[in-house]
């Protein structure tokens, strides 16, 4: 009976250790996802800024072209 209890305790301990490892991996992966989302957000903000500048430039060019039309 004692050997069975010891074996069961070791199995439970191994399972708990495995769960702890999985939780740590999940935490690490979540942090990597958060970093990636932050980098993506910064890139999207830059794209929005560039798009706005291009829209302003396009409007200026349109006005310039219209000024040459007869």
PDB file of N, CA and C in Angstrom:
ATOM      1  N   UNK A   1       0.824  -1.192   0.000  1.00  0.00           N
ATOM      2  CA  UNK A   1       0.000   0.000   0.000  1.00  0.00           C
ATOM      3  C   UNK A   1       0.871   1.259   0.000  1.00  0.00           C
ATOM      4  N   UNK A   2       1.933   1.260   0.788  1.00  0.00           N
ATOM      5  CA  UNK A   2       2.817   2.412   0.857  1.00  0.00           C
ATOM      6  C   UNK A   2       3.501   2.652  -0.487  1.00  0.00           C
ATOM      7  N   UNK A   3       3.877   1.576  -1.156  1.00  0.00           N
ATOM      8  CA  UNK A   3       4.519   1.719  -2.474  1.00  0.00           C
ATOM      9  C   UNK A   3       3.540   2.312  -3.488  1.00  0.00           C
ATOM     10  N   UNK A   4       2.293   1.880  -3.421  1.00  0.00           N
ATOM     11  CA  UNK A   4       1.272   2.438  -4.313  1.00  0.00           C
ATOM     12  C   UNK A   4       1.060   3.917  -4.031  1.00  0.00           C
ATOM     13  N   UNK A   5       1.016   4.270  -2.773  1.00  0.00           N
ATOM     14  CA  UNK A   5       0.827   5.665  -2.388  1.00  0.00           C
ATOM     15  C   UNK A   5       2.005   6.506  -2.868  1.00  0.00           C
ATOM     16  N   UNK A   6       3.213   5.981  -2.710  1.00  0.00           N
ATOM     17  CA  UNK A   6       4.415   6.681  -3.151  1.00  0.00           C
ATOM     18  C   UNK A   6       4.397   6.853  -4.677  1.00  0.00           C
ATOM     19  N   UNK A   7       4.027   5.795  -5.384  1.00  0.00           N
ATOM     20  CA  UNK A   7       3.964   5.862  -6.848  1.00  0.00           C
ATOM     21  C   UNK A   7       2.913   6.869  -7.299  1.00  0.00           C
ATOM     22  N   UNK A   8       1.775   6.839  -6.640  1.00  0.00           N
ATOM     23  CA  UNK A   8       0.709   7.794  -6.980  1.00  0.00           C
ATOM     24  C   UNK A   8       1.148   9.222  -6.711  1.00  0.00           C
ATOM     25  N   UNK A   9       1.824   9.417  -5.598  1.00  0.00           N
ATOM     26  CA  UNK A   9       2.318  10.750  -5.246  1.00  0.00           C
ATOM     27  C   UNK A   9       3.317  11.240  -6.291  1.00  0.00           C
ATOM     28  N   UNK A  10       4.180  10.366  -6.750  1.00  0.00           N
ATOM     29  CA  UNK A  10       5.154  10.743  -7.780  1.00  0.00           C
ATOM     30  C   UNK A  10       4.453  11.069  -9.097  1.00  0.00           C
ATOM     31  N   UNK A  11       3.436  10.311  -9.455  1.00  0.00           N
ATOM     32  CA  UNK A  11       2.685  10.590 -10.675  1.00  0.00           C
ATOM     33  C   UNK A  11       1.979  11.931 -10.577  1.00  0.00           C
ATOM     34  N   UNK A  12       1.373  12.193  -9.456  1.00  0.00           N
ATOM     35  CA  UNK A  12       0.688  13.474  -9.254  1.00  0.00           C
ATOM     36  C   UNK A  12       1.692  14.622  -9.311  1.00  0.00           C
ATOM     37  N   UNK A  13       2.834  14.420  -8.703  1.00  0.00           N
ATOM     38  CA  UNK A  13       3.875  15.440  -8.717  1.00  0.00           C
ATOM     39  C   UNK A  13       4.339  15.719 -10.148  1.00  0.00           C
ATOM     40  N   UNK A  14       4.504  14.654 -10.932  1.00  0.00           N
ATOM     41  CA  UNK A  14       4.927  14.814 -12.326  1.00  0.00           C
ATOM     42  C   UNK A  14       3.864  15.572 -13.128  1.00  0.00           C
ATOM     43  N   UNK A  15       2.598  15.252 -12.886  1.00  0.00           N
ATOM     44  CA  UNK A  15       1.512  15.935 -13.593  1.00  0.00           C
ATOM     45  C   UNK A  15       1.483  17.414 -13.212  1.00  0.00           C
ATOM     46  N   UNK A  16       1.632  17.704 -11.937  1.00  0.00           N
ATOM     47  CA  UNK A  16       1.633  19.103 -11.481  1.00  0.00           C
ATOM     48  C   UNK A  16       2.814  19.853 -12.084  1.00  0.00           C
ATOM     49  N   UNK A  17       3.965  19.212 -12.150  1.00  0.00           N
ATOM     50  CA  UNK A  17       5.144  19.846 -12.758  1.00  0.00           C
ATOM     51  C   UNK A  17       4.893  20.113 -14.236  1.00  0.00           C
ATOM     52  N   UNK A  18       4.250  19.171 -14.903  1.00  0.00           N
ATOM     53  CA  UNK A  18       3.916  19.345 -16.318  1.00  0.00           C
ATOM     54  C   UNK A  18       2.948  20.511 -16.506  1.00  0.00           C
ATOM     55  N   UNK A  19       1.967  20.611 -15.642  1.00  0.00           N
ATOM     56  CA  UNK A  19       1.015  21.721 -15.702  1.00  0.00           C
ATOM     57  C   UNK A  19       1.742  23.048 -15.482  1.00  0.00           C
ATOM     58  N   UNK A  20       2.654  23.078 -14.525  1.00  0.00           N
ATOM     59  CA  UNK A  20       3.420  24.304 -14.253  1.00  0.00           C
ATOM     60  C   UNK A  20       4.257  24.693 -15.472  1.00  0.00           C
ATOM     61  N   UNK A  21       4.885  23.711 -16.112  1.00  0.00           N
ATOM     62  CA  UNK A  21       5.666  23.987 -17.320  1.00  0.00           C
ATOM     63  C   UNK A  21       4.773  24.547 -18.429  1.00  0.00           C
ATOM     64  N   UNK A  22       3.601  23.939 -18.589  1.00  0.00           N
ATOM     65  CA  UNK A  22       2.669  24.408 -19.613  1.00  0.00           C
ATOM     66  C   UNK A  22       2.201  25.828 -19.326  1.00  0.00           C
ATOM     67  N   UNK A  23       1.970  26.128 -18.060  1.00  0.00           N
ATOM     68  CA  UNK A  23       1.552  27.481 -17.689  1.00  0.00           C
ATOM     69  C   UNK A  23       2.658  28.491 -17.983  1.00  0.00           C
ATOM     70  N   UNK A  24       3.886  28.117 -17.700  1.00  0.00           N
ATOM     71  CA  UNK A  24       5.016  29.008 -17.991  1.00  0.00           C
ATOM     72  C   UNK A  24       5.155  29.232 -19.494  1.00  0.00           C
ATOM     73  N   UNK A  25       5.019  28.165 -20.270  1.00  0.00           N
ATOM     74  CA  UNK A  25       5.084  28.291 -21.733  1.00  0.00           C
ATOM     75  C   UNK A  25       3.958  29.178 -22.253  1.00  0.00           C
ATOM     76  N   UNK A  26       2.776  29.014 -21.691  1.00  0.00           N
ATOM     77  CA  UNK A  26       1.639  29.836 -22.086  1.00  0.00           C
ATOM     78  C   UNK A  26       1.907  31.296 -21.767  1.00  0.00           C
ATOM     79  N   UNK A  27       2.470  31.562 -20.606  1.00  0.00           N
ATOM     80  CA  UNK A  27       2.807  32.935 -20.217  1.00  0.00           C
ATOM     81  C   UNK A  27       3.816  33.524 -21.186  1.00  0.00           C
ATOM     82  N   UNK A  28       4.864  32.750 -21.497  1.00  0.00           N
ATOM     83  CA  UNK A  28       5.889  33.232 -22.425  1.00  0.00           C
ATOM     84  C   UNK A  28       5.302  33.510 -23.806  1.00  0.00           C
ATOM     85  N   UNK A  29       4.460  32.601 -24.279  1.00  0.00           N
ATOM     86  CA  UNK A  29       3.835  32.790 -25.586  1.00  0.00           C
ATOM     87  C   UNK A  29       2.911  34.001 -25.587  1.00  0.00           C
ATOM     88  N   UNK A  30       2.199  34.203 -24.496  1.00  0.00           N
ATOM     89  CA  UNK A  30       1.308  35.364 -24.377  1.00  0.00           C
ATOM     90  C   UNK A  30       2.110  36.659 -24.421  1.00  0.00           C
ATOM     91  N   UNK A  31       3.258  36.667 -23.765  1.00  0.00           N
ATOM     92  CA  UNK A  31       4.107  37.864 -23.784  1.00  0.00           C
ATOM     93  C   UNK A  31       4.627  38.131 -25.188  1.00  0.00           C
ATOM     94  N   UNK A  32       5.004  37.074 -25.911  1.00  0.00           N
ATOM     95  CA  UNK A  32       5.467  37.241 -27.287  1.00  0.00           C
ATOM     96  C   UNK A  32       4.348  37.765 -28.177  1.00  0.00           C
ATOM     97  N   UNK A  33       3.138  37.270 -27.974  1.00  0.00           N
ATOM     98  CA  UNK A  33       1.987  37.749 -28.742  1.00  0.00           C
ATOM     99  C   UNK A  33       1.749  39.222 -28.442  1.00  0.00           C
ATOM    100  N   UNK A  34       1.830  39.611 -27.186  1.00  0.00           N
ATOM    101  CA  UNK A  34       1.634  41.004 -26.803  1.00  0.00           C
ATOM    102  C   UNK A  34       2.666  41.907 -27.476  1.00  0.00           C
ATOM    103  N   UNK A  35       3.913  41.467 -27.500  1.00  0.00           N
ATOM    104  CA  UNK A  35       4.972  42.243 -28.162  1.00  0.00           C
ATOM    105  C   UNK A  35       4.673  42.366 -29.655  1.00  0.00           C
ATOM    106  N   UNK A  36       4.259  41.269 -30.270  1.00  0.00           N
ATOM    107  CA  UNK A  36       3.941  41.282 -31.700  1.00  0.00           C
ATOM    108  C   UNK A  36       2.771  42.209 -31.997  1.00  0.00           C
ATOM    109  N   UNK A  37       1.754  42.181 -31.157  1.00  0.00           N
ATOM    110  CA  UNK A  37       0.601  43.065 -31.343  1.00  0.00           C
ATOM    111  C   UNK A  37       1.031  44.523 -31.218  1.00  0.00           C
ATOM    112  N   UNK A  38       1.894  44.799 -30.263  1.00  0.00           N
ATOM    113  CA  UNK A  38       2.377  46.171 -30.077  1.00  0.00           C
ATOM    114  C   UNK A  38       3.166  46.633 -31.303  1.00  0.00           C
ATOM    115  N   UNK A  39       4.029  45.768 -31.822  1.00  0.00           N
ATOM    116  CA  UNK A  39       4.808  46.119 -33.017  1.00  0.00           C
ATOM    117  C   UNK A  39       3.899  46.310 -34.225  1.00  0.00           C
ATOM    118  N   UNK A  40       2.898  45.456 -34.353  1.00  0.00           N
ATOM    119  CA  UNK A  40       1.939  45.580 -35.454  1.00  0.00           C
ATOM    120  C   UNK A  40       1.164  46.883 -35.343  1.00  0.00           C
ATOM    121  N   UNK A  41       0.769  47.232 -34.131  1.00  0.00           N
ATOM    122  CA  UNK A  41       0.041  48.482 -33.906  1.00  0.00           C
ATOM    123  C   UNK A  41       0.885  49.682 -34.325  1.00  0.00           C
ATOM    124  N   UNK A  42       2.161  49.675 -33.964  1.00  0.00           N
ATOM    125  CA  UNK A  42       3.056  50.771 -34.355  1.00  0.00           C
ATOM    126  C   UNK A  42       3.183  50.849 -35.874  1.00  0.00           C
ATOM    127  N   UNK A  43       3.295  49.695 -36.525  1.00  0.00           N
ATOM    128  CA  UNK A  43       3.411  49.673 -37.984  1.00  0.00           C
ATOM    129  C   UNK A  43       2.147  50.203 -38.643  1.00  0.00           C
ATOM    130  N   UNK A  44       0.993  49.826 -38.129  1.00  0.00           N
ATOM    131  CA  UNK A  44      -0.273  50.308 -38.681  1.00  0.00           C
ATOM    132  C   UNK A  44      -0.394  51.818 -38.493  1.00  0.00           C
ATOM    133  N   UNK A  45       0.047  52.324 -37.356  1.00  0.00           N
ATOM    134  CA  UNK A  45       0.020  53.769 -37.133  1.00  0.00           C
ATOM    135  C   UNK A  45       0.896  54.483 -38.152  1.00  0.00           C
ATOM    136  N   UNK A  46       2.065  53.913 -38.448  1.00  0.00           N
ATOM    137  CA  UNK A  46       2.958  54.515 -39.445  1.00  0.00           C
ATOM    138  C   UNK A  46       2.323  54.477 -40.835  1.00  0.00           C
ATOM    139  N   UNK A  47       1.663  53.375 -41.164  1.00  0.00           N
ATOM    140  CA  UNK A  47       0.974  53.275 -42.452  1.00  0.00           C
ATOM    141  C   UNK A  47      -0.110  54.345 -42.549  1.00  0.00           C
ATOM    142  N   UNK A  48      -0.830  54.562 -41.482  1.00  0.00           N
ATOM    143  CA  UNK A  48      -1.884  55.584 -41.476  1.00  0.00           C
ATOM    144  C   UNK A  48      -1.285  56.975 -41.695  1.00  0.00           C
ATOM    145  N   UNK A  49      -0.162  57.246 -41.074  1.00  0.00           N
ATOM    146  CA  UNK A  49       0.496  58.550 -41.238  1.00  0.00           C
ATOM    147  C   UNK A  49       0.939  58.739 -42.685  1.00  0.00           C
ATOM    148  N   UNK A  50       1.573  57.711 -43.245  1.00  0.00           N
ATOM    149  CA  UNK A  50       2.039  57.788 -44.634  1.00  0.00           C
ATOM    150  C   UNK A  50       0.844  57.945 -45.579  1.00  0.00           C
ATOM    151  N   UNK A  51      -0.229  57.207 -45.328  1.00  0.00           N
ATOM    152  CA  UNK A  51      -1.418  57.306 -46.174  1.00  0.00           C
ATOM    153  C   UNK A  51      -1.995  58.729 -46.127  1.00  0.00           C
ATOM    154  N   UNK A  52      -2.004  59.314 -44.961  1.00  0.00           N
ATOM    155  CA  UNK A  52      -2.510  60.680 -44.825  1.00  0.00           C
ATOM    156  C   UNK A  52      -1.635  61.650 -45.611  1.00  0.00           C
ATOM    157  N   UNK A  53      -0.312  61.485 -45.514  1.00  0.00           N
ATOM    158  CA  UNK A  53       0.602  62.353 -46.270  1.00  0.00           C
ATOM    159  C   UNK A  53       0.393  62.181 -47.776  1.00  0.00           C
ATOM    160  N   UNK A  54       0.187  60.935 -48.184  1.00  0.00           N
ATOM    161  CA  UNK A  54      -0.038  60.685 -49.611  1.00  0.00           C
ATOM    162  C   UNK A  54      -1.356  61.303 -50.070  1.00  0.00           C
ATOM    163  N   UNK A  55      -2.365  61.281 -49.242  1.00  0.00           N
ATOM    164  CA  UNK A  55      -3.645  61.896 -49.597  1.00  0.00           C
ATOM    165  C   UNK A  55      -3.490  63.398 -49.757  1.00  0.00           C
ATOM    166  N   UNK A  56      -2.744  64.022 -48.859  1.00  0.00           N
ATOM    167  CA  UNK A  56      -2.503  65.464 -48.947  1.00  0.00           C
ATOM    168  C   UNK A  56      -1.722  65.781 -50.223  1.00  0.00           C
ATOM    169  N   UNK A  57      -0.701  64.993 -50.517  1.00  0.00           N
ATOM    170  CA  UNK A  57       0.101  65.198 -51.720  1.00  0.00           C
ATOM    171  C   UNK A  57      -0.753  65.012 -52.973  1.00  0.00           C
ATOM    172  N   UNK A  58      -1.600  63.998 -52.978  1.00  0.00           N
ATOM    173  CA  UNK A  58      -2.473  63.756 -54.125  1.00  0.00           C
ATOM    174  C   UNK A  58      -3.425  64.928 -54.334  1.00  0.00           C
ATOM    175  N   UNK A  59      -3.953  65.461 -53.263  1.00  0.00           N
ATOM    176  CA  UNK A  59      -4.846  66.619 -53.380  1.00  0.00           C
ATOM    177  C   UNK A  59      -4.103  67.828 -53.939  1.00  0.00           C
ATOM    178  N   UNK A  60      -2.877  68.045 -53.470  1.00  0.00           N
ATOM    179  CA  UNK A  60      -2.076  69.166 -53.989  1.00  0.00           C
ATOM    180  C   UNK A  60      -1.786  68.984 -55.477  1.00  0.00           C
ATOM    181  N   UNK A  61      -1.455  67.766 -55.865  1.00  0.00           N
ATOM    182  CA  UNK A  61      -1.182  67.495 -57.279  1.00  0.00           C
ATOM    183  C   UNK A  61      -2.436  67.688 -58.125  1.00  0.00           C
ATOM    184  N   UNK A  62      -3.566  67.282 -57.602  1.00  0.00           N
ATOM    185  CA  UNK A  62      -4.828  67.469 -58.319  1.00  0.00           C
ATOM    186  C   UNK A  62      -5.093  68.953 -58.530  1.00  0.00           C
ATOM    187  N   UNK A  63      -4.891  69.737 -57.491  1.00  0.00           N
ATOM    188  CA  UNK A  63      -5.098  71.191 -57.609  1.00  0.00           C
ATOM    189  C   UNK A  63      -4.119  71.803 -58.609  1.00  0.00           C
ATOM    190  N   UNK A  64      -2.890  71.315 -58.617  1.00  0.00           N
ATOM    191  CA  UNK A  64      -1.888  71.825 -59.556  1.00  0.00           C
ATOM    192  C   UNK A  64      -2.283  71.499 -60.993  1.00  0.00           C
ATOM    193  N   UNK A  65      -2.713  70.261 -61.209  1.00  0.00           N
ATOM    194  CA  UNK A  65      -3.134  69.864 -62.559  1.00  0.00           C
ATOM    195  C   UNK A  65      -4.345  70.679 -63.010  1.00  0.00           C
ATOM    196  N   UNK A  66      -5.287  70.890 -62.099  1.00  0.00           N
ATOM    197  CA  UNK A  66      -6.478  71.678 -62.450  1.00  0.00           C
ATOM    198  C   UNK A  66      -6.121  73.114 -62.792  1.00  0.00           C
ATOM    199  N   UNK A  67      -5.068  73.631 -62.211  1.00  0.00           N
ATOM    200  CA  UNK A  67      -4.688  75.012 -62.484  1.00  0.00           C
ATOM    201  C   UNK A  67      -4.155  75.172 -63.923  1.00  0.00           C
ATOM    202  N   UNK A  68      -3.731  74.058 -64.560  1.00  0.00           N
ATOM    203  CA  UNK A  68      -3.226  74.099 -65.928  1.00  0.00           C
ATOM    204  C   UNK A  68      -4.297  73.777 -66.957  1.00  0.00           C
ATOM    205  N   UNK A  69      -5.449  73.337 -66.543  1.00  0.00           N
ATOM    206  CA  UNK A  69      -6.513  73.001 -67.476  1.00  0.00           C
ATOM    207  C   UNK A  69      -7.123  74.281 -68.067  1.00  0.00           C
ATOM    208  N   UNK A  70      -7.484  74.161 -69.296  1.00  0.00           N
ATOM    209  CA  UNK A  70      -8.073  75.311 -69.982  1.00  0.00           C
ATOM    210  C   UNK A  70      -9.573  75.288 -69.796  1.00  0.00           C
TER     211      UNK A  70
END
